[in-house]
Protein backbone atom coordinates (compact mmCIF):
# COMPACT_ATOMS: atom_id res chain seq x y z
CA MET A 1 99.84 119.19 34.39
CA ALA A 2 96.09 119.51 35.02
CA SER A 3 95.38 120.15 31.28
CA LEU A 4 91.81 120.05 30.95
CA ALA A 5 88.89 121.57 28.96
CA LEU A 6 87.90 124.42 30.67
CA SER A 7 83.61 123.70 29.30
CA ALA A 8 82.39 121.35 27.42
CA CYS A 9 83.34 123.55 24.49
CA LEU A 10 86.60 124.86 25.07
CA SER A 11 89.76 122.96 24.13
CA THR A 12 93.01 123.11 26.01
CA LYS A 13 96.45 122.75 25.68
CA VAL A 14 98.98 123.73 28.15
CA SER A 15 102.67 124.36 27.23
CA SER A 16 105.24 124.35 29.84
CA LEU A 17 107.74 127.22 29.38
CA ALA A 18 109.92 126.82 32.62
CA PRO A 19 109.67 125.12 35.88
CA ASN A 20 107.30 128.17 37.09
CA MET A 21 105.30 128.79 33.54
CA VAL A 22 102.75 127.66 31.56
CA ARG A 23 100.97 129.11 28.27
CA VAL A 24 97.25 128.11 28.34
CA ASN A 25 95.91 128.39 24.72
CA LEU A 26 91.92 128.03 24.70
CA GLN A 27 90.03 127.43 21.35
CA GLY A 28 86.22 126.36 20.81
CA ALA A 29 82.79 126.79 19.34
CA ASP A 30 80.29 129.01 21.83
CA ALA A 31 82.77 131.18 23.58
CA PRO A 32 82.04 131.82 27.25
CA SER A 33 81.53 135.49 28.23
CA ASP A 34 84.22 137.42 29.14
CA GLU A 35 83.50 137.05 33.00
CA GLN A 36 83.41 133.42 32.31
CA ALA A 37 85.99 132.89 30.46
CA LEU A 38 87.98 134.91 33.04
CA LYS A 39 86.74 132.53 36.12
CA GLU A 40 88.01 129.45 33.99
CA ALA A 41 91.37 130.92 33.01
CA LEU A 42 91.71 131.68 37.19
CA VAL A 43 90.86 128.17 37.78
CA LEU A 44 93.04 126.55 35.52
CA ALA A 45 95.91 128.81 36.54
CA SER A 46 95.46 128.21 40.21
CA LYS A 47 94.86 124.18 38.92
CA GLU A 48 98.31 124.51 37.09
CA THR A 49 100.06 126.28 39.87
CA LEU A 50 99.06 123.61 42.64
CA ALA A 51 100.09 120.79 40.72
CA HIS A 52 103.59 122.57 39.71
CA GLU A 53 104.08 122.81 43.96
CA TYR A 54 103.55 126.88 43.60
CA ASP A 55 100.98 128.96 45.59
CA LEU A 56 100.70 131.99 43.55
CA PHE A 57 100.12 133.05 40.04
CA ARG A 58 100.11 136.19 37.96
CA PHE A 59 98.73 136.15 34.21
CA ILE A 60 101.26 137.84 31.42
CA ASP A 61 101.02 138.04 27.73
CA TRP A 62 97.36 137.58 27.33
CA SER A 63 96.43 137.25 23.78
CA ALA A 64 93.84 136.38 21.14
CA GLY A 65 94.48 134.03 18.69
CA PRO A 66 94.41 134.13 14.79
CA ALA A 67 91.08 135.61 13.74
CA GLN A 68 88.41 133.07 13.17
CA LEU A 69 85.93 133.62 10.26
CA ALA A 70 82.83 134.09 11.58
CA THR A 71 79.88 132.53 9.47
CA PRO A 72 76.15 133.73 10.20
CA GLY A 73 74.51 131.39 12.61
CA GLN A 74 77.69 129.72 13.62
CA PRO A 75 77.85 130.23 17.30
CA ALA A 76 80.75 132.50 18.51
CA VAL A 77 84.40 131.36 18.84
CA ALA A 78 86.87 131.60 21.86
CA ASN A 79 90.52 131.52 20.39
CA PHE A 80 92.94 132.82 23.28
CA ALA A 81 96.18 132.19 25.05
CA VAL A 82 97.51 133.76 28.39
CA THR A 83 101.47 132.55 29.96
CA VAL A 84 100.92 131.95 34.08
CA VAL A 85 103.64 132.50 35.94
CA MET A 86 103.95 130.72 39.37
CA PHE A 87 105.16 131.72 42.54
CA ARG A 88 105.98 130.18 45.85
CA TYR A 89 105.28 132.80 49.13
CA GLY A 90 107.75 135.45 49.42
CA GLU A 91 108.65 134.93 45.82
CA GLN A 92 106.19 137.48 44.12
CA GLY A 93 107.93 140.70 44.59
CA SER A 94 105.76 143.69 44.20
CA ASN A 95 103.74 142.08 41.29
CA PRO A 96 100.30 141.43 42.07
CA VAL A 97 99.20 137.80 42.34
CA PHE A 98 96.35 135.59 42.86
CA ASP A 99 96.49 132.86 45.49
CA ALA A 100 96.11 129.43 43.80
CA ARG A 101 93.96 127.92 47.16
CA ALA A 102 92.09 130.68 47.34
CA VAL A 103 90.71 130.98 43.69
CA LEU A 104 89.75 126.97 44.11
CA LYS A 105 87.76 128.10 47.32
CA THR A 106 86.24 130.48 45.83
CA GLN A 107 84.76 128.49 42.66
CA GLU A 108 83.66 126.09 44.93
CA PRO A 109 79.78 125.15 44.56
CA GLN A 110 78.20 126.77 47.39
CA GLN A 111 76.07 124.50 49.82
């Protein structure tokens, strides 16, 4: 399982829910922007999908974690979770999905 920290300050816990489903919990200081958090979640989900020998995935049940007490002068805190459902080609039905290999290819550093 490719459980890894998305950024230097976010910790990631991946829990297996089924052979084709994982729950990704993200917590940490210095919360990324919404755009950066989505990009990082896409990359992590892509790596999990390929590690489980699937090709496609979609997100379900994206939710905020328990409220964090914000203290003046402290950095913002990220605390959210998402379930990743994985498919092989042809299994996804009419649901919109992400192609794990395509996501990783678009996130590679540009030369």
